[in-house]
Amino acid sequence: MENGFKIAISGKGGVGKTTLSALLSHLFAEDGPVLAVDADPDANLGSALGFDQTILERLVAISTDKELIKQRTGAEPGVSGQIFTLNPRVDDIPLIFEL
């Protein structure tokens, strides 16, 4: 994704963010690979993109990987009063979680 661009979609709940994200992902995929990230706690982008249930069951929320969070930020999740890295390296995360 070195030569690509990033689009973030946010807003009030129930306004169609997931639907819009899936639509844009499909449209941009006509021109090449697309990395679509669902940061919503109620993650449904995979379903909206039409992924098979067996693939959806293998998806892992990065926010649940406490070891990765600790490794990248220098802080242990759930422990208060820590100093952590504000801009950790994340460019390799798509490769780590590749399906």
C-alpha atoms as a PDB file:
ATOM      1  CA  MET A   1       0.000   0.000   0.000  1.00  0.00           C
ATOM      2  CA  GLU A   2       3.009   2.259  -0.427  1.00  0.00           C
ATOM      3  CA  ASN A   3       1.514   4.246  -3.296  1.00  0.00           C
ATOM      4  CA  GLY A   4      -2.078   4.214  -2.135  1.00  0.00           C
ATOM      5  CA  PHE A   5      -4.124   6.539  -0.049  1.00  0.00           C
ATOM      6  CA  LYS A   6      -6.116   6.223   3.154  1.00  0.00           C
ATOM      7  CA  ILE A   7      -9.759   7.033   3.741  1.00  0.00           C
ATOM      8  CA  ALA A   8     -11.338   7.089   7.209  1.00  0.00           C
ATOM      9  CA  ILE A   9     -15.099   7.061   7.595  1.00  0.00           C
ATOM     10  CA  SER A  10     -16.595   8.134  10.903  1.00  0.00           C
ATOM     11  CA  GLY A  11     -19.836   9.484  12.203  1.00  0.00           C
ATOM     12  CA  LYS A  12     -22.894   8.849  14.318  1.00  0.00           C
ATOM     13  CA  GLY A  13     -24.065   5.264  14.732  1.00  0.00           C
ATOM     14  CA  GLY A  14     -26.530   3.894  12.213  1.00  0.00           C
ATOM     15  CA  VAL A  15     -25.759   6.307   9.381  1.00  0.00           C
ATOM     16  CA  GLY A  16     -24.309   3.752   6.951  1.00  0.00           C
ATOM     17  CA  LYS A  17     -20.555   3.912   7.596  1.00  0.00           C
ATOM     18  CA  THR A  18     -20.088   0.176   7.074  1.00  0.00           C
ATOM     19  CA  THR A  19     -22.195   0.161   3.919  1.00  0.00           C
ATOM     20  CA  LEU A  20     -20.297   3.130   2.497  1.00  0.00           C
ATOM     21  CA  SER A  21     -16.949   1.540   3.433  1.00  0.00           C
ATOM     22  CA  ALA A  22     -17.886  -1.715   1.695  1.00  0.00           C
ATOM     23  CA  LEU A  23     -19.076   0.138  -1.414  1.00  0.00           C
ATOM     24  CA  LEU A  24     -15.898   2.218  -1.653  1.00  0.00           C
ATOM     25  CA  SER A  25     -13.749  -0.879  -1.064  1.00  0.00           C
ATOM     26  CA  HIS A  26     -15.466  -2.695  -3.931  1.00  0.00           C
ATOM     27  CA  LEU A  27     -15.116   0.306  -6.245  1.00  0.00           C
ATOM     28  CA  PHE A  28     -11.430   0.877  -5.466  1.00  0.00           C
ATOM     29  CA  ALA A  29     -10.733  -2.877  -5.782  1.00  0.00           C
ATOM     30  CA  GLU A  30     -11.499  -2.547  -9.491  1.00  0.00           C
ATOM     31  CA  ASP A  31      -8.171  -0.671  -9.772  1.00  0.00           C
ATOM     32  CA  GLY A  32      -6.080  -2.902  -7.491  1.00  0.00           C
ATOM     33  CA  PRO A  33      -5.770  -4.387  -4.016  1.00  0.00           C
ATOM     34  CA  VAL A  34      -7.605  -2.711  -1.147  1.00  0.00           C
ATOM     35  CA  LEU A  35      -6.951  -3.049   2.562  1.00  0.00           C
ATOM     36  CA  ALA A  36     -10.215  -2.373   4.409  1.00  0.00           C
ATOM     37  CA  VAL A  37      -9.905  -1.989   8.181  1.00  0.00           C
ATOM     38  CA  ASP A  38     -12.953  -2.203  10.424  1.00  0.00           C
ATOM     39  CA  ALA A  39     -12.192  -0.409  13.694  1.00  0.00           C
ATOM     40  CA  ASP A  40     -15.802  -0.552  14.876  1.00  0.00           C
ATOM     41  CA  PRO A  41     -16.289  -2.608  18.068  1.00  0.00           C
ATOM     42  CA  ASP A  42     -19.358  -4.076  16.348  1.00  0.00           C
ATOM     43  CA  ALA A  43     -17.295  -5.139  13.329  1.00  0.00           C
ATOM     44  CA  ASN A  44     -19.464  -6.045  10.330  1.00  0.00           C
ATOM     45  CA  LEU A  45     -17.386  -4.846   7.380  1.00  0.00           C
ATOM     46  CA  GLY A  46     -16.330  -8.391   6.494  1.00  0.00           C
ATOM     47  CA  SER A  47     -19.973  -9.403   6.168  1.00  0.00           C
ATOM     48  CA  ALA A  48     -20.787  -6.283   4.167  1.00  0.00           C
ATOM     49  CA  LEU A  49     -17.919  -7.139   1.821  1.00  0.00           C
ATOM     50  CA  GLY A  50     -19.395 -10.602   1.311  1.00  0.00           C
ATOM     51  CA  PHE A  51     -16.694 -12.693   2.985  1.00  0.00           C
ATOM     52  CA  ASP A  52     -17.563 -16.336   3.570  1.00  0.00           C
ATOM     53  CA  GLN A  53     -18.453 -17.260   7.157  1.00  0.00           C
ATOM     54  CA  THR A  54     -15.358 -19.485   7.470  1.00  0.00           C
ATOM     55  CA  ILE A  55     -13.144 -16.460   6.785  1.00  0.00           C
ATOM     56  CA  LEU A  56     -15.127 -14.239   9.149  1.00  0.00           C
ATOM     57  CA  GLU A  57     -14.632 -16.773  11.954  1.00  0.00           C
ATOM     58  CA  ARG A  58     -10.837 -16.502  11.525  1.00  0.00           C
ATOM     59  CA  LEU A  59     -10.749 -12.718  11.880  1.00  0.00           C
ATOM     60  CA  VAL A  60      -9.093 -11.418  15.037  1.00  0.00           C
ATOM     61  CA  ALA A  61      -9.580  -7.945  16.469  1.00  0.00           C
ATOM     62  CA  ILE A  62      -6.177  -6.330  16.886  1.00  0.00           C
ATOM     63  CA  SER A  63      -7.475  -4.624  20.030  1.00  0.00           C
ATOM     64  CA  THR A  64      -7.603  -8.029  21.759  1.00  0.00           C
ATOM     65  CA  ASP A  65      -3.921  -8.829  21.118  1.00  0.00           C
ATOM     66  CA  LYS A  66      -2.489  -7.541  24.392  1.00  0.00           C
ATOM     67  CA  GLU A  67       1.032  -8.760  23.610  1.00  0.00           C
ATOM     68  CA  LEU A  68       1.094  -6.856  20.295  1.00  0.00           C
ATOM     69  CA  ILE A  69      -0.215  -3.727  22.022  1.00  0.00           C
ATOM     70  CA  LYS A  70       2.481  -4.005  24.696  1.00  0.00           C
ATOM     71  CA  GLN A  71       5.181  -4.663  22.103  1.00  0.00           C
ATOM     72  CA  ARG A  72       4.231  -1.677  19.959  1.00  0.00           C
ATOM     73  CA  THR A  73       3.266   0.907  22.581  1.00  0.00           C
ATOM     74  CA  GLY A  74       5.574  -0.111  25.405  1.00  0.00           C
ATOM     75  CA  ALA A  75       2.603  -0.167  27.782  1.00  0.00           C
ATOM     76  CA  GLU A  76       0.707  -3.103  29.201  1.00  0.00           C
ATOM     77  CA  PRO A  77      -3.055  -2.960  28.606  1.00  0.00           C
ATOM     78  CA  GLY A  78      -5.041  -2.590  31.829  1.00  0.00           C
ATOM     79  CA  VAL A  79      -2.187  -1.068  33.826  1.00  0.00           C
ATOM     80  CA  SER A  80      -2.511   2.636  34.590  1.00  0.00           C
ATOM     81  CA  GLY A  81       0.172   5.258  35.024  1.00  0.00           C
ATOM     82  CA  GLN A  82       2.386   4.140  32.125  1.00  0.00           C
ATOM     83  CA  ILE A  83       4.243   6.048  29.453  1.00  0.00           C
ATOM     84  CA  PHE A  84       3.559   4.742  25.971  1.00  0.00           C
ATOM     85  CA  THR A  85       4.626   5.388  22.416  1.00  0.00           C
ATOM     86  CA  LEU A  86       2.155   7.704  20.697  1.00  0.00           C
ATOM     87  CA  ASN A  87       3.013   6.696  17.135  1.00  0.00           C
ATOM     88  CA  PRO A  88       3.997   3.028  17.151  1.00  0.00           C
ATOM     89  CA  ARG A  89       5.040   1.234  13.979  1.00  0.00           C
ATOM     90  CA  VAL A  90       1.960  -0.280  12.334  1.00  0.00           C
ATOM     91  CA  ASP A  91       2.896  -0.596   8.661  1.00  0.00           C
ATOM     92  CA  ASP A  92       3.650  -4.302   9.013  1.00  0.00           C
ATOM     93  CA  ILE A  93       0.394  -5.215  10.775  1.00  0.00           C
ATOM     94  CA  PRO A  94      -1.487  -6.085   7.563  1.00  0.00           C
ATOM     95  CA  LEU A  95       1.181  -8.727   6.845  1.00  0.00           C
ATOM     96  CA  ILE A  96       0.916 -10.167  10.359  1.00  0.00           C
ATOM     97  CA  PHE A  97      -2.850 -10.628  10.069  1.00  0.00           C
ATOM     98  CA  GLU A  98      -2.989 -11.617   6.404  1.00  0.00           C
ATOM     99  CA  LEU A  99      -5.675 -14.212   5.713  1.00  0.00           C
END
